[in-house]
Amino acid sequence: MSGGGAEITLGDFESIVSAAYGGFDVPEVCPIRRVGDLWLMELFHGPTLAFKDVALQLVGRLFDHVLTERGSTATILGATPRATRARPP
């Protein structure tokens, strides 16, 4: 896979994805459930019980992989509003 100057082999990508989502509570990662006439995707099975886990568990590992390949480091700061924080500080 390539884009933006960085290339990740398919095997590396599969390993990164497996590591990113292996800690989720269910093997489906984001199961889809029927509730009456609606279909809902559950986005709360990650380590912090927040929808952001779906993206951020993968993004962090992708950054780590690319930066390691380049021999670089980076400091990334993130913030979340208190209203969406699933666990107490």
PDB file of N, CA and C in Angstrom:
ATOM      1  N   MET A   1       0.858  -1.165   0.000  1.00  0.00           N
ATOM      2  CA  MET A   1       0.000   0.000   0.000  1.00  0.00           C
ATOM      3  C   MET A   1       0.901   1.223   0.000  1.00  0.00           C
ATOM      4  N   SER A   2       0.537   2.204  -0.777  1.00  0.00           N
ATOM      5  CA  SER A   2       1.375   3.401  -0.793  1.00  0.00           C
ATOM      6  C   SER A   2       0.504   4.642  -0.918  1.00  0.00           C
ATOM      7  N   GLY A   3       1.125   5.759  -0.609  1.00  0.00           N
ATOM      8  CA  GLY A   3       0.448   7.046  -0.689  1.00  0.00           C
ATOM      9  C   GLY A   3       1.181   8.036   0.184  1.00  0.00           C
ATOM     10  N   GLY A   4       1.369   9.233  -0.312  1.00  0.00           N
ATOM     11  CA  GLY A   4       2.024  10.259   0.477  1.00  0.00           C
ATOM     12  C   GLY A   4       3.485   9.990   0.750  1.00  0.00           C
ATOM     13  N   GLY A   5       4.131   9.161  -0.071  1.00  0.00           N
ATOM     14  CA  GLY A   5       5.550   8.919   0.083  1.00  0.00           C
ATOM     15  C   GLY A   5       5.901   7.743   0.972  1.00  0.00           C
ATOM     16  N   ALA A   6       4.979   7.216   1.743  1.00  0.00           N
ATOM     17  CA  ALA A   6       5.262   6.069   2.605  1.00  0.00           C
ATOM     18  C   ALA A   6       4.646   4.827   1.989  1.00  0.00           C
ATOM     19  N   GLU A   7       5.338   3.706   2.141  1.00  0.00           N
ATOM     20  CA  GLU A   7       4.807   2.461   1.611  1.00  0.00           C
ATOM     21  C   GLU A   7       4.782   1.419   2.723  1.00  0.00           C
ATOM     22  N   ILE A   8       3.696   0.697   2.802  1.00  0.00           N
ATOM     23  CA  ILE A   8       3.529  -0.359   3.797  1.00  0.00           C
ATOM     24  C   ILE A   8       3.184  -1.629   3.039  1.00  0.00           C
ATOM     25  N   THR A   9       3.937  -2.689   3.294  1.00  0.00           N
ATOM     26  CA  THR A   9       3.640  -3.945   2.625  1.00  0.00           C
ATOM     27  C   THR A   9       2.306  -4.485   3.119  1.00  0.00           C
ATOM     28  N   LEU A  10       1.700  -5.340   2.322  1.00  0.00           N
ATOM     29  CA  LEU A  10       0.420  -5.927   2.713  1.00  0.00           C
ATOM     30  C   LEU A  10       0.563  -6.719   4.008  1.00  0.00           C
ATOM     31  N   GLY A  11       1.645  -7.478   4.145  1.00  0.00           N
ATOM     32  CA  GLY A  11       1.865  -8.253   5.366  1.00  0.00           C
ATOM     33  C   GLY A  11       1.991  -7.363   6.590  1.00  0.00           C
ATOM     34  N   ASP A  12       2.749  -6.258   6.468  1.00  0.00           N
ATOM     35  CA  ASP A  12       2.875  -5.319   7.591  1.00  0.00           C
ATOM     36  C   ASP A  12       1.525  -4.695   7.925  1.00  0.00           C
ATOM     37  N   PHE A  13       0.779  -4.323   6.889  1.00  0.00           N
ATOM     38  CA  PHE A  13      -0.527  -3.695   7.110  1.00  0.00           C
ATOM     39  C   PHE A  13      -1.468  -4.664   7.832  1.00  0.00           C
ATOM     40  N   GLU A  14      -1.471  -5.916   7.398  1.00  0.00           N
ATOM     41  CA  GLU A  14      -2.323  -6.912   8.057  1.00  0.00           C
ATOM     42  C   GLU A  14      -1.940  -7.071   9.525  1.00  0.00           C
ATOM     43  N   SER A  15      -0.644  -7.079   9.820  1.00  0.00           N
ATOM     44  CA  SER A  15      -0.183  -7.198  11.208  1.00  0.00           C
ATOM     45  C   SER A  15      -0.587  -5.985  12.036  1.00  0.00           C
ATOM     46  N   ILE A  16      -0.466  -4.806  11.451  1.00  0.00           N
ATOM     47  CA  ILE A  16      -0.831  -3.565  12.143  1.00  0.00           C
ATOM     48  C   ILE A  16      -2.326  -3.552  12.451  1.00  0.00           C
ATOM     49  N   VAL A  17      -3.135  -3.925  11.481  1.00  0.00           N
ATOM     50  CA  VAL A  17      -4.597  -3.951  11.681  1.00  0.00           C
ATOM     51  C   VAL A  17      -4.965  -4.988  12.745  1.00  0.00           C
ATOM     52  N   SER A  18      -4.330  -6.150  12.688  1.00  0.00           N
ATOM     53  CA  SER A  18      -4.603  -7.190  13.671  1.00  0.00           C
ATOM     54  C   SER A  18      -4.256  -6.720  15.082  1.00  0.00           C
ATOM     55  N   ALA A  19      -3.124  -6.054  15.227  1.00  0.00           N
ATOM     56  CA  ALA A  19      -2.723  -5.532  16.539  1.00  0.00           C
ATOM     57  C   ALA A  19      -3.663  -4.429  17.001  1.00  0.00           C
ATOM     58  N   ALA A  20      -4.100  -3.589  16.070  1.00  0.00           N
ATOM     59  CA  ALA A  20      -4.969  -2.461  16.419  1.00  0.00           C
ATOM     60  C   ALA A  20      -6.318  -2.921  16.943  1.00  0.00           C
ATOM     61  N   TYR A  21      -6.877  -3.934  16.333  1.00  0.00           N
ATOM     62  CA  TYR A  21      -8.231  -4.334  16.692  1.00  0.00           C
ATOM     63  C   TYR A  21      -8.293  -5.618  17.510  1.00  0.00           C
ATOM     64  N   GLY A  22      -7.153  -6.218  17.801  1.00  0.00           N
ATOM     65  CA  GLY A  22      -7.114  -7.439  18.595  1.00  0.00           C
ATOM     66  C   GLY A  22      -7.547  -7.245  20.034  1.00  0.00           C
ATOM     67  N   GLY A  23      -7.472  -6.022  20.534  1.00  0.00           N
ATOM     68  CA  GLY A  23      -7.855  -5.746  21.913  1.00  0.00           C
ATOM     69  C   GLY A  23      -9.307  -5.365  22.088  1.00  0.00           C
ATOM     70  N   PHE A  24     -10.066  -5.372  21.024  1.00  0.00           N
ATOM     71  CA  PHE A  24     -11.486  -5.047  21.133  1.00  0.00           C
ATOM     72  C   PHE A  24     -12.227  -6.206  21.792  1.00  0.00           C
ATOM     73  N   ASP A  25     -13.345  -5.911  22.429  1.00  0.00           N
ATOM     74  CA  ASP A  25     -14.085  -6.907  23.212  1.00  0.00           C
ATOM     75  C   ASP A  25     -14.768  -7.986  22.380  1.00  0.00           C
ATOM     76  N   VAL A  26     -14.976  -7.731  21.095  1.00  0.00           N
ATOM     77  CA  VAL A  26     -15.672  -8.697  20.242  1.00  0.00           C
ATOM     78  C   VAL A  26     -14.854  -8.900  18.961  1.00  0.00           C
ATOM     79  N   PRO A  27     -14.865 -10.096  18.407  1.00  0.00           N
ATOM     80  CA  PRO A  27     -14.066 -10.342  17.206  1.00  0.00           C
ATOM     81  C   PRO A  27     -14.525  -9.544  15.985  1.00  0.00           C
ATOM     82  N   GLU A  28     -15.788  -9.135  15.961  1.00  0.00           N
ATOM     83  CA  GLU A  28     -16.294  -8.358  14.825  1.00  0.00           C
ATOM     84  C   GLU A  28     -15.809  -6.916  14.852  1.00  0.00           C
ATOM     85  N   VAL A  29     -15.213  -6.463  15.911  1.00  0.00           N
ATOM     86  CA  VAL A  29     -14.724  -5.100  16.156  1.00  0.00           C
ATOM     87  C   VAL A  29     -15.879  -4.119  16.261  1.00  0.00           C
ATOM     88  N   CYS A  30     -16.672  -3.971  15.216  1.00  0.00           N
ATOM     89  CA  CYS A  30     -17.831  -3.061  15.210  1.00  0.00           C
ATOM     90  C   CYS A  30     -19.055  -3.828  14.717  1.00  0.00           C
ATOM     91  N   PRO A  31     -19.634  -4.671  15.558  1.00  0.00           N
ATOM     92  CA  PRO A  31     -20.770  -5.468  15.097  1.00  0.00           C
ATOM     93  C   PRO A  31     -21.980  -4.600  14.748  1.00  0.00           C
ATOM     94  N   ILE A  32     -22.763  -5.119  13.835  1.00  0.00           N
ATOM     95  CA  ILE A  32     -23.996  -4.444  13.428  1.00  0.00           C
ATOM     96  C   ILE A  32     -25.160  -5.233  14.015  1.00  0.00           C
ATOM     97  N   ARG A  33     -26.023  -4.539  14.734  1.00  0.00           N
ATOM     98  CA  ARG A  33     -27.149  -5.176  15.420  1.00  0.00           C
ATOM     99  C   ARG A  33     -28.465  -4.579  14.929  1.00  0.00           C
ATOM    100  N   ARG A  34     -29.436  -5.423  14.835  1.00  0.00           N
ATOM    101  CA  ARG A  34     -30.780  -4.960  14.476  1.00  0.00           C
ATOM    102  C   ARG A  34     -31.518  -4.598  15.750  1.00  0.00           C
ATOM    103  N   VAL A  35     -32.113  -3.413  15.755  1.00  0.00           N
ATOM    104  CA  VAL A  35     -32.928  -2.936  16.861  1.00  0.00           C
ATOM    105  C   VAL A  35     -34.244  -2.468  16.248  1.00  0.00           C
ATOM    106  N   GLY A  36     -35.238  -3.300  16.329  1.00  0.00           N
ATOM    107  CA  GLY A  36     -36.515  -2.978  15.678  1.00  0.00           C
ATOM    108  C   GLY A  36     -36.314  -2.905  14.173  1.00  0.00           C
ATOM    109  N   ASP A  37     -36.677  -1.774  13.589  1.00  0.00           N
ATOM    110  CA  ASP A  37     -36.522  -1.572  12.148  1.00  0.00           C
ATOM    111  C   ASP A  37     -35.172  -0.958  11.791  1.00  0.00           C
ATOM    112  N   LEU A  38     -34.336  -0.708  12.784  1.00  0.00           N
ATOM    113  CA  LEU A  38     -33.047  -0.048  12.557  1.00  0.00           C
ATOM    114  C   LEU A  38     -31.895  -1.033  12.642  1.00  0.00           C
ATOM    115  N   TRP A  39     -30.823  -0.726  11.929  1.00  0.00           N
ATOM    116  CA  TRP A  39     -29.562  -1.442  12.050  1.00  0.00           C
ATOM    117  C   TRP A  39     -28.560  -0.471  12.652  1.00  0.00           C
ATOM    118  N   LEU A  40     -27.922  -0.867  13.754  1.00  0.00           N
ATOM    119  CA  LEU A  40     -26.986  -0.002  14.455  1.00  0.00           C
ATOM    120  C   LEU A  40     -25.599  -0.636  14.499  1.00  0.00           C
ATOM    121  N   MET A  41     -24.583   0.177  14.255  1.00  0.00           N
ATOM    122  CA  MET A  41     -23.210  -0.287  14.370  1.00  0.00           C
ATOM    123  C   MET A  41     -22.686   0.094  15.747  1.00  0.00           C
ATOM    124  N   GLU A  42     -22.222  -0.904  16.482  1.00  0.00           N
ATOM    125  CA  GLU A  42     -21.699  -0.667  17.821  1.00  0.00           C
ATOM    126  C   GLU A  42     -20.234  -0.238  17.727  1.00  0.00           C
ATOM    127  N   LEU A  43     -19.961   0.957  18.200  1.00  0.00           N
ATOM    128  CA  LEU A  43     -18.619   1.527  18.112  1.00  0.00           C
ATOM    129  C   LEU A  43     -17.964   1.671  19.478  1.00  0.00           C
ATOM    130  N   PHE A  44     -18.358   0.851  20.439  1.00  0.00           N
ATOM    131  CA  PHE A  44     -17.899   1.035  21.813  1.00  0.00           C
ATOM    132  C   PHE A  44     -17.150  -0.173  22.372  1.00  0.00           C
ATOM    133  N   HIS A  45     -16.626  -1.028  21.532  1.00  0.00           N
ATOM    134  CA  HIS A  45     -15.973  -2.238  22.019  1.00  0.00           C
ATOM    135  C   HIS A  45     -14.453  -2.104  22.151  1.00  0.00           C
ATOM    136  N   GLY A  46     -13.919  -0.898  21.940  1.00  0.00           N
ATOM    137  CA  GLY A  46     -12.477  -0.680  22.054  1.00  0.00           C
ATOM    138  C   GLY A  46     -12.019  -0.470  23.479  1.00  0.00           C
ATOM    139  N   PRO A  47     -10.731  -0.223  23.663  1.00  0.00           N
ATOM    140  CA  PRO A  47     -10.172  -0.126  25.015  1.00  0.00           C
ATOM    141  C   PRO A  47     -10.694   1.034  25.855  1.00  0.00           C
ATOM    142  N   THR A  48     -11.147   2.119  25.242  1.00  0.00           N
ATOM    143  CA  THR A  48     -11.677   3.234  26.032  1.00  0.00           C
ATOM    144  C   THR A  48     -13.196   3.330  25.941  1.00  0.00           C
ATOM    145  N   LEU A  49     -13.817   2.368  25.280  1.00  0.00           N
ATOM    146  CA  LEU A  49     -15.273   2.310  25.125  1.00  0.00           C
ATOM    147  C   LEU A  49     -15.826   3.488  24.335  1.00  0.00           C
ATOM    148  N   ALA A  50     -15.001   4.142  23.516  1.00  0.00           N
ATOM    149  CA  ALA A  50     -15.422   5.314  22.752  1.00  0.00           C
ATOM    150  C   ALA A  50     -15.310   5.038  21.253  1.00  0.00           C
ATOM    151  N   PHE A  51     -16.150   5.694  20.476  1.00  0.00           N
ATOM    152  CA  PHE A  51     -16.141   5.502  19.027  1.00  0.00           C
ATOM    153  C   PHE A  51     -14.787   5.837  18.416  1.00  0.00           C
ATOM    154  N   LYS A  52     -14.030   6.716  19.061  1.00  0.00           N
ATOM    155  CA  LYS A  52     -12.735   7.139  18.526  1.00  0.00           C
ATOM    156  C   LYS A  52     -11.734   5.992  18.463  1.00  0.00           C
ATOM    157  N   ASP A  53     -11.936   4.960  19.272  1.00  0.00           N
ATOM    158  CA  ASP A  53     -11.025   3.818  19.256  1.00  0.00           C
ATOM    159  C   ASP A  53     -10.949   3.178  17.873  1.00  0.00           C
ATOM    160  N   VAL A  54     -12.052   3.182  17.144  1.00  0.00           N
ATOM    161  CA  VAL A  54     -12.088   2.524  15.838  1.00  0.00           C
ATOM    162  C   VAL A  54     -11.011   3.104  14.928  1.00  0.00           C
ATOM    163  N   ALA A  55     -10.856   4.402  14.903  1.00  0.00           N
ATOM    164  CA  ALA A  55      -9.839   5.030  14.054  1.00  0.00           C
ATOM    165  C   ALA A  55      -8.492   5.131  14.748  1.00  0.00           C
ATOM    166  N   LEU A  56      -8.486   5.574  15.985  1.00  0.00           N
ATOM    167  CA  LEU A  56      -7.222   5.922  16.628  1.00  0.00           C
ATOM    168  C   LEU A  56      -6.358   4.726  17.001  1.00  0.00           C
ATOM    169  N   GLN A  57      -6.942   3.568  17.232  1.00  0.00           N
ATOM    170  CA  GLN A  57      -6.123   2.383  17.491  1.00  0.00           C
ATOM    171  C   GLN A  57      -5.282   2.040  16.257  1.00  0.00           C
ATOM    172  N   LEU A  58      -5.805   2.290  15.083  1.00  0.00           N
ATOM    173  CA  LEU A  58      -5.072   2.020  13.843  1.00  0.00           C
ATOM    174  C   LEU A  58      -4.119   3.158  13.493  1.00  0.00           C
ATOM    175  N   VAL A  59      -4.588   4.381  13.579  1.00  0.00           N
ATOM    176  CA  VAL A  59      -3.776   5.535  13.165  1.00  0.00           C
ATOM    177  C   VAL A  59      -2.464   5.614  13.942  1.00  0.00           C
ATOM    178  N   GLY A  60      -2.511   5.405  15.245  1.00  0.00           N
ATOM    179  CA  GLY A  60      -1.299   5.456  16.050  1.00  0.00           C
ATOM    180  C   GLY A  60      -0.272   4.431  15.613  1.00  0.00           C
ATOM    181  N   ARG A  61      -0.742   3.234  15.314  1.00  0.00           N
ATOM    182  CA  ARG A  61       0.171   2.179  14.868  1.00  0.00           C
ATOM    183  C   ARG A  61       0.715   2.466  13.474  1.00  0.00           C
ATOM    184  N   LEU A  62      -0.083   3.069  12.612  1.00  0.00           N
ATOM    185  CA  LEU A  62       0.422   3.443  11.285  1.00  0.00           C
ATOM    186  C   LEU A  62       1.506   4.512  11.399  1.00  0.00           C
ATOM    187  N   PHE A  63       1.277   5.521  12.241  1.00  0.00           N
ATOM    188  CA  PHE A  63       2.311   6.529  12.487  1.00  0.00           C
ATOM    189  C   PHE A  63       3.588   5.860  12.985  1.00  0.00           C
ATOM    190  N   ASP A  64       3.451   4.977  13.972  1.00  0.00           N
ATOM    191  CA  ASP A  64       4.607   4.310  14.549  1.00  0.00           C
ATOM    192  C   ASP A  64       5.386   3.532  13.486  1.00  0.00           C
ATOM    193  N   HIS A  65       4.679   2.807  12.650  1.00  0.00           N
ATOM    194  CA  HIS A  65       5.330   2.016  11.606  1.00  0.00           C
ATOM    195  C   HIS A  65       6.111   2.905  10.638  1.00  0.00           C
ATOM    196  N   VAL A  66       5.462   3.929  10.130  1.00  0.00           N
ATOM    197  CA  VAL A  66       6.101   4.811   9.146  1.00  0.00           C
ATOM    198  C   VAL A  66       7.279   5.556   9.768  1.00  0.00           C
ATOM    199  N   LEU A  67       7.098   6.080  10.970  1.00  0.00           N
ATOM    200  CA  LEU A  67       8.186   6.804  11.620  1.00  0.00           C
ATOM    201  C   LEU A  67       9.367   5.885  11.922  1.00  0.00           C
ATOM    202  N   THR A  68       9.099   4.656  12.321  1.00  0.00           N
ATOM    203  CA  THR A  68      10.176   3.697  12.565  1.00  0.00           C
ATOM    204  C   THR A  68      10.924   3.397  11.273  1.00  0.00           C
ATOM    205  N   GLU A  69      10.194   3.197  10.182  1.00  0.00           N
ATOM    206  CA  GLU A  69      10.822   2.940   8.883  1.00  0.00           C
ATOM    207  C   GLU A  69      11.714   4.105   8.459  1.00  0.00           C
ATOM    208  N   ARG A  70      11.311   5.314   8.775  1.00  0.00           N
ATOM    209  CA  ARG A  70      12.080   6.514   8.413  1.00  0.00           C
ATOM    210  C   ARG A  70      13.178   6.837   9.424  1.00  0.00           C
ATOM    211  N   GLY A  71      13.159   6.156  10.560  1.00  0.00           N
ATOM    212  CA  GLY A  71      14.112   6.474  11.612  1.00  0.00           C
ATOM    213  C   GLY A  71      13.811   7.804  12.277  1.00  0.00           C
ATOM    214  N   SER A  72      12.548   8.152  12.302  1.00  0.00           N
ATOM    215  CA  SER A  72      12.107   9.431  12.858  1.00  0.00           C
ATOM    216  C   SER A  72      11.250   9.217  14.094  1.00  0.00           C
ATOM    217  N   THR A  73      11.005  10.298  14.782  1.00  0.00           N
ATOM    218  CA  THR A  73      10.066  10.293  15.894  1.00  0.00           C
ATOM    219  C   THR A  73       9.151  11.501  15.744  1.00  0.00           C
ATOM    220  N   ALA A  74       8.063  11.473  16.464  1.00  0.00           N
ATOM    221  CA  ALA A  74       7.129  12.595  16.468  1.00  0.00           C
ATOM    222  C   ALA A  74       6.406  12.615  17.799  1.00  0.00           C
ATOM    223  N   THR A  75       6.022  13.784  18.216  1.00  0.00           N
ATOM    224  CA  THR A  75       5.185  13.936  19.397  1.00  0.00           C
ATOM    225  C   THR A  75       3.813  14.375  18.912  1.00  0.00           C
ATOM    226  N   ILE A  76       2.815  13.608  19.263  1.00  0.00           N
ATOM    227  CA  ILE A  76       1.450  13.896  18.835  1.00  0.00           C
ATOM    228  C   ILE A  76       0.604  14.091  20.080  1.00  0.00           C
ATOM    229  N   LEU A  77      -0.013  15.240  20.174  1.00  0.00           N
ATOM    230  CA  LEU A  77      -0.888  15.536  21.307  1.00  0.00           C
ATOM    231  C   LEU A  77      -2.331  15.440  20.853  1.00  0.00           C
ATOM    232  N   GLY A  78      -3.157  14.856  21.688  1.00  0.00           N
ATOM    233  CA  GLY A  78      -4.571  14.759  21.371  1.00  0.00           C
ATOM    234  C   GLY A  78      -5.391  15.185  22.576  1.00  0.00           C
ATOM    235  N   ALA A  79      -6.600  15.582  22.316  1.00  0.00           N
ATOM    236  CA  ALA A  79      -7.490  15.994  23.395  1.00  0.00           C
ATOM    237  C   ALA A  79      -8.894  15.524  23.072  1.00  0.00           C
ATOM    238  N   THR A  80      -9.664  15.355  24.111  1.00  0.00           N
ATOM    239  CA  THR A  80     -11.052  14.965  23.936  1.00  0.00           C
ATOM    240  C   THR A  80     -11.899  15.782  24.905  1.00  0.00           C
ATOM    241  N   PRO A  81     -13.086  16.159  24.484  1.00  0.00           N
ATOM    242  CA  PRO A  81     -13.955  16.874  25.423  1.00  0.00           C
ATOM    243  C   PRO A  81     -14.351  15.949  26.572  1.00  0.00           C
ATOM    244  N   ARG A  82     -14.494  16.502  27.740  1.00  0.00           N
ATOM    245  CA  ARG A  82     -14.842  15.712  28.920  1.00  0.00           C
ATOM    246  C   ARG A  82     -16.134  14.917  28.694  1.00  0.00           C
ATOM    247  N   ALA A  83     -17.064  15.457  27.957  1.00  0.00           N
ATOM    248  CA  ALA A  83     -18.354  14.800  27.771  1.00  0.00           C
ATOM    249  C   ALA A  83     -18.232  13.451  27.041  1.00  0.00           C
ATOM    250  N   THR A  84     -17.175  13.247  26.265  1.00  0.00           N
ATOM    251  CA  THR A  84     -17.055  11.997  25.521  1.00  0.00           C
ATOM    252  C   THR A  84     -16.076  11.017  26.161  1.00  0.00           C
ATOM    253  N   ARG A  85     -15.449  11.407  27.245  1.00  0.00           N
ATOM    254  CA  ARG A  85     -14.465  10.533  27.885  1.00  0.00           C
ATOM    255  C   ARG A  85     -15.209   9.388  28.595  1.00  0.00           C
ATOM    256  N   ALA A  86     -14.819   8.155  28.266  1.00  0.00           N
ATOM    257  CA  ALA A  86     -15.532   6.996  28.794  1.00  0.00           C
ATOM    258  C   ALA A  86     -15.080   6.604  30.190  1.00  0.00           C
ATOM    259  N   ARG A  87     -13.845   6.901  30.543  1.00  0.00           N
ATOM    260  CA  ARG A  87     -13.317   6.487  31.843  1.00  0.00           C
ATOM    261  C   ARG A  87     -12.832   7.698  32.599  1.00  0.00           C
ATOM    262  N   PRO A  88     -12.916   7.658  33.916  1.00  0.00           N
ATOM    263  CA  PRO A  88     -12.460   8.813  34.698  1.00  0.00           C
ATOM    264  C   PRO A  88     -10.959   9.039  34.544  1.00  0.00           C
ATOM    265  N   PRO A  89     -10.504  10.292  34.744  1.00  0.00           N
ATOM    266  CA  PRO A  89      -9.080  10.591  34.558  1.00  0.00           C
ATOM    267  C   PRO A  89      -8.190   9.857  35.550  1.00  0.00           C
TER     268      PRO A  89
END
